[in-house]
Amino acid sequence: MANDINDLVKFYEHIENVVENETKLQDSLKVVTLFRVALELAAKDMGLVKASYLMARLQHVSLGTSLGMEDDFSGILEELCTKKPTIN
């Protein structure tokens, strides 16, 4: 997972740079666009219901962190980076 984390950090920094350099749009409009792209990508990967559940989990962690709770995204990242066999 270490390589995955390094790649994620690089990807995050790249996206952050692209968003910051776009000066014609309000930040709130950028957020809506990024959320839509994220939901569409996740839905292709895991289906809309699971993607919506993932978004809710991300929101839960964000709210908890802002309330001072010891929570972070590492558990979600670890779960998503770990390939689990499916049983049919």
N, C-alpha and C. Protein backbone atom coordinates (compact mmCIF):
# COMPACT_ATOMS: atom_id res chain seq x y z
N MET A 1 0.81 -1.20 0.00
CA MET A 1 0.00 0.00 0.00
C MET A 1 0.86 1.27 0.00
N ALA A 2 2.13 1.16 0.38
CA ALA A 2 3.00 2.34 0.42
C ALA A 2 3.11 3.00 -0.94
N ASN A 3 3.27 2.22 -2.00
CA ASN A 3 3.33 2.79 -3.35
C ASN A 3 2.01 3.44 -3.71
N ASP A 4 0.91 2.79 -3.31
CA ASP A 4 -0.40 3.37 -3.58
C ASP A 4 -0.54 4.73 -2.90
N ILE A 5 -0.08 4.86 -1.66
CA ILE A 5 -0.18 6.12 -0.92
C ILE A 5 0.67 7.19 -1.61
N ASN A 6 1.88 6.84 -2.01
CA ASN A 6 2.73 7.81 -2.71
C ASN A 6 2.09 8.28 -4.01
N ASP A 7 1.49 7.34 -4.73
CA ASP A 7 0.80 7.71 -5.97
C ASP A 7 -0.41 8.58 -5.68
N LEU A 8 -1.13 8.28 -4.60
CA LEU A 8 -2.29 9.08 -4.22
C LEU A 8 -1.88 10.50 -3.83
N VAL A 9 -0.80 10.62 -3.11
CA VAL A 9 -0.30 11.95 -2.72
C VAL A 9 0.06 12.75 -3.96
N LYS A 10 0.76 12.13 -4.90
CA LYS A 10 1.12 12.82 -6.15
C LYS A 10 -0.13 13.22 -6.93
N PHE A 11 -1.09 12.33 -7.00
CA PHE A 11 -2.34 12.61 -7.71
C PHE A 11 -3.09 13.75 -7.03
N TYR A 12 -3.17 13.71 -5.71
CA TYR A 12 -3.83 14.77 -4.94
C TYR A 12 -3.17 16.12 -5.22
N GLU A 13 -1.85 16.15 -5.16
CA GLU A 13 -1.12 17.40 -5.40
C GLU A 13 -1.34 17.91 -6.82
N HIS A 14 -1.41 17.00 -7.78
CA HIS A 14 -1.66 17.38 -9.17
C HIS A 14 -3.05 18.00 -9.31
N ILE A 15 -4.06 17.34 -8.76
CA ILE A 15 -5.44 17.85 -8.84
C ILE A 15 -5.55 19.18 -8.11
N GLU A 16 -4.93 19.27 -6.95
CA GLU A 16 -4.96 20.52 -6.18
C GLU A 16 -4.36 21.66 -6.99
N ASN A 17 -3.27 21.39 -7.69
CA ASN A 17 -2.61 22.39 -8.52
C ASN A 17 -3.52 22.83 -9.68
N VAL A 18 -4.16 21.88 -10.32
CA VAL A 18 -5.06 22.19 -11.43
C VAL A 18 -6.21 23.06 -10.94
N VAL A 19 -6.78 22.70 -9.81
CA VAL A 19 -7.92 23.45 -9.26
C VAL A 19 -7.50 24.86 -8.85
N GLU A 20 -6.37 24.97 -8.19
CA GLU A 20 -5.90 26.30 -7.75
C GLU A 20 -5.57 27.21 -8.92
N ASN A 21 -5.08 26.65 -10.01
CA ASN A 21 -4.72 27.46 -11.16
C ASN A 21 -5.90 27.88 -12.02
N GLU A 22 -7.05 27.27 -11.79
CA GLU A 22 -8.27 27.67 -12.49
C GLU A 22 -8.88 28.85 -11.74
N THR A 23 -8.71 30.04 -12.28
CA THR A 23 -9.13 31.25 -11.56
C THR A 23 -10.44 31.84 -12.07
N LYS A 24 -10.98 31.31 -13.14
CA LYS A 24 -12.21 31.87 -13.71
C LYS A 24 -13.46 31.40 -12.97
N LEU A 25 -13.38 30.31 -12.25
CA LEU A 25 -14.55 29.75 -11.57
C LEU A 25 -14.47 29.98 -10.07
N GLN A 26 -15.65 30.15 -9.46
CA GLN A 26 -15.74 30.23 -8.01
C GLN A 26 -15.35 28.88 -7.42
N ASP A 27 -14.78 28.91 -6.23
CA ASP A 27 -14.39 27.66 -5.57
C ASP A 27 -15.58 26.73 -5.37
N SER A 28 -16.76 27.27 -5.03
CA SER A 28 -17.93 26.42 -4.82
C SER A 28 -18.33 25.69 -6.10
N LEU A 29 -18.16 26.33 -7.25
CA LEU A 29 -18.46 25.67 -8.52
C LEU A 29 -17.43 24.58 -8.83
N LYS A 30 -16.18 24.83 -8.45
CA LYS A 30 -15.15 23.80 -8.61
C LYS A 30 -15.48 22.58 -7.76
N VAL A 31 -15.98 22.82 -6.54
CA VAL A 31 -16.33 21.71 -5.65
C VAL A 31 -17.45 20.86 -6.26
N VAL A 32 -18.45 21.51 -6.78
CA VAL A 32 -19.56 20.76 -7.41
C VAL A 32 -19.03 19.93 -8.57
N THR A 33 -18.16 20.51 -9.37
CA THR A 33 -17.59 19.80 -10.51
C THR A 33 -16.74 18.61 -10.06
N LEU A 34 -15.88 18.84 -9.07
CA LEU A 34 -15.03 17.75 -8.56
C LEU A 34 -15.87 16.64 -7.94
N PHE A 35 -16.91 17.01 -7.21
CA PHE A 35 -17.78 16.01 -6.61
C PHE A 35 -18.47 15.18 -7.69
N ARG A 36 -18.95 15.84 -8.73
CA ARG A 36 -19.62 15.12 -9.82
C ARG A 36 -18.66 14.15 -10.51
N VAL A 37 -17.45 14.62 -10.80
CA VAL A 37 -16.45 13.76 -11.43
C VAL A 37 -16.13 12.57 -10.52
N ALA A 38 -15.94 12.84 -9.24
CA ALA A 38 -15.63 11.78 -8.28
C ALA A 38 -16.76 10.75 -8.21
N LEU A 39 -17.99 11.23 -8.15
CA LEU A 39 -19.12 10.31 -8.07
C LEU A 39 -19.26 9.48 -9.35
N GLU A 40 -19.07 10.11 -10.49
CA GLU A 40 -19.16 9.38 -11.76
C GLU A 40 -18.07 8.31 -11.86
N LEU A 41 -16.84 8.66 -11.47
CA LEU A 41 -15.75 7.68 -11.52
C LEU A 41 -16.00 6.52 -10.55
N ALA A 42 -16.41 6.86 -9.34
CA ALA A 42 -16.67 5.82 -8.34
C ALA A 42 -17.83 4.93 -8.78
N ALA A 43 -18.86 5.53 -9.35
CA ALA A 43 -20.02 4.75 -9.80
C ALA A 43 -19.63 3.76 -10.90
N LYS A 44 -18.72 4.17 -11.79
CA LYS A 44 -18.24 3.24 -12.82
C LYS A 44 -17.50 2.08 -12.20
N ASP A 45 -16.76 2.37 -11.13
CA ASP A 45 -15.92 1.37 -10.49
C ASP A 45 -16.70 0.44 -9.57
N MET A 46 -17.66 0.99 -8.82
CA MET A 46 -18.32 0.19 -7.78
C MET A 46 -19.84 0.26 -7.81
N GLY A 47 -20.39 0.98 -8.75
CA GLY A 47 -21.84 1.13 -8.81
C GLY A 47 -22.28 2.36 -8.02
N LEU A 48 -23.43 2.91 -8.37
CA LEU A 48 -23.87 4.16 -7.79
C LEU A 48 -24.18 4.06 -6.29
N VAL A 49 -24.78 2.97 -5.87
CA VAL A 49 -25.15 2.85 -4.46
C VAL A 49 -23.90 2.79 -3.58
N LYS A 50 -22.92 1.96 -3.95
CA LYS A 50 -21.69 1.88 -3.17
C LYS A 50 -20.91 3.19 -3.24
N ALA A 51 -20.94 3.84 -4.40
CA ALA A 51 -20.25 5.13 -4.54
C ALA A 51 -20.90 6.18 -3.63
N SER A 52 -22.20 6.18 -3.55
CA SER A 52 -22.91 7.11 -2.66
C SER A 52 -22.59 6.81 -1.20
N TYR A 53 -22.50 5.53 -0.87
CA TYR A 53 -22.12 5.13 0.47
C TYR A 53 -20.70 5.61 0.80
N LEU A 54 -19.79 5.48 -0.16
CA LEU A 54 -18.42 5.97 0.02
C LEU A 54 -18.42 7.48 0.27
N MET A 55 -19.19 8.22 -0.49
CA MET A 55 -19.26 9.67 -0.30
C MET A 55 -19.79 10.01 1.10
N ALA A 56 -20.76 9.25 1.56
CA ALA A 56 -21.30 9.48 2.91
C ALA A 56 -20.23 9.20 3.97
N ARG A 57 -19.45 8.16 3.77
CA ARG A 57 -18.36 7.85 4.71
C ARG A 57 -17.31 8.96 4.72
N LEU A 58 -16.97 9.48 3.56
CA LEU A 58 -16.02 10.58 3.47
C LEU A 58 -16.56 11.82 4.18
N GLN A 59 -17.83 12.08 4.01
CA GLN A 59 -18.46 13.21 4.69
C GLN A 59 -18.45 13.00 6.20
N HIS A 60 -18.72 11.79 6.63
CA HIS A 60 -18.73 11.45 8.06
C HIS A 60 -17.36 11.71 8.69
N VAL A 61 -16.31 11.25 8.03
CA VAL A 61 -14.95 11.47 8.54
C VAL A 61 -14.62 12.96 8.57
N SER A 62 -15.02 13.68 7.52
CA SER A 62 -14.75 15.12 7.47
C SER A 62 -15.44 15.86 8.61
N LEU A 63 -16.69 15.52 8.86
CA LEU A 63 -17.43 16.16 9.96
C LEU A 63 -16.83 15.79 11.31
N GLY A 64 -16.47 14.53 11.48
CA GLY A 64 -15.86 14.10 12.73
C GLY A 64 -14.55 14.81 13.00
N THR A 65 -13.74 14.94 11.97
CA THR A 65 -12.45 15.62 12.12
C THR A 65 -12.67 17.09 12.50
N SER A 66 -13.64 17.72 11.87
CA SER A 66 -13.90 19.13 12.19
C SER A 66 -14.44 19.31 13.60
N LEU A 67 -15.00 18.26 14.18
CA LEU A 67 -15.49 18.29 15.56
C LEU A 67 -14.40 17.90 16.56
N GLY A 68 -13.21 17.61 16.05
CA GLY A 68 -12.10 17.26 16.93
C GLY A 68 -12.01 15.78 17.26
N MET A 69 -12.80 14.96 16.58
CA MET A 69 -12.74 13.52 16.80
C MET A 69 -11.52 12.95 16.09
N GLU A 70 -10.94 11.93 16.68
CA GLU A 70 -9.77 11.30 16.06
C GLU A 70 -10.24 10.35 14.98
N ASP A 71 -10.30 10.86 13.79
CA ASP A 71 -10.76 10.09 12.64
C ASP A 71 -9.99 10.59 11.43
N ASP A 72 -9.74 9.72 10.49
CA ASP A 72 -9.07 10.13 9.27
C ASP A 72 -9.47 9.20 8.13
N PHE A 73 -8.95 9.50 6.97
CA PHE A 73 -9.31 8.75 5.77
C PHE A 73 -8.51 7.48 5.58
N SER A 74 -7.53 7.23 6.43
CA SER A 74 -6.63 6.09 6.22
C SER A 74 -7.37 4.75 6.20
N GLY A 75 -8.37 4.59 7.04
CA GLY A 75 -9.13 3.34 7.05
C GLY A 75 -9.88 3.11 5.75
N ILE A 76 -10.46 4.18 5.24
CA ILE A 76 -11.17 4.09 3.96
C ILE A 76 -10.19 3.78 2.83
N LEU A 77 -9.05 4.48 2.83
CA LEU A 77 -8.05 4.24 1.79
C LEU A 77 -7.52 2.81 1.86
N GLU A 78 -7.25 2.35 3.07
CA GLU A 78 -6.73 0.98 3.23
C GLU A 78 -7.73 -0.04 2.71
N GLU A 79 -9.00 0.17 3.03
CA GLU A 79 -10.04 -0.75 2.57
C GLU A 79 -10.15 -0.75 1.05
N LEU A 80 -10.07 0.41 0.44
CA LEU A 80 -10.18 0.50 -1.01
C LEU A 80 -8.94 -0.02 -1.74
N CYS A 81 -7.78 0.10 -1.11
CA CYS A 81 -6.53 -0.35 -1.74
C CYS A 81 -6.32 -1.85 -1.60
N THR A 82 -7.03 -2.47 -0.68
CA THR A 82 -6.89 -3.90 -0.45
C THR A 82 -7.86 -4.64 -1.36
N LYS A 83 -7.31 -5.46 -2.21
CA LYS A 83 -8.15 -6.26 -3.10
C LYS A 83 -8.69 -7.45 -2.32
N LYS A 84 -10.00 -7.56 -2.29
CA LYS A 84 -10.65 -8.68 -1.61
C LYS A 84 -11.26 -9.62 -2.65
N PRO A 85 -11.06 -10.90 -2.47
CA PRO A 85 -11.67 -11.83 -3.42
C PRO A 85 -13.18 -11.83 -3.25
N THR A 86 -13.87 -11.94 -4.37
CA THR A 86 -15.32 -12.02 -4.30
C THR A 86 -15.74 -13.47 -4.44
N ILE A 87 -16.77 -13.83 -3.72
CA ILE A 87 -17.28 -15.20 -3.76
C ILE A 87 -18.61 -15.16 -4.49
N ASN A 88 -18.70 -15.94 -5.56
CA ASN A 88 -19.94 -15.97 -6.35
C ASN A 88 -20.75 -17.17 -6.02
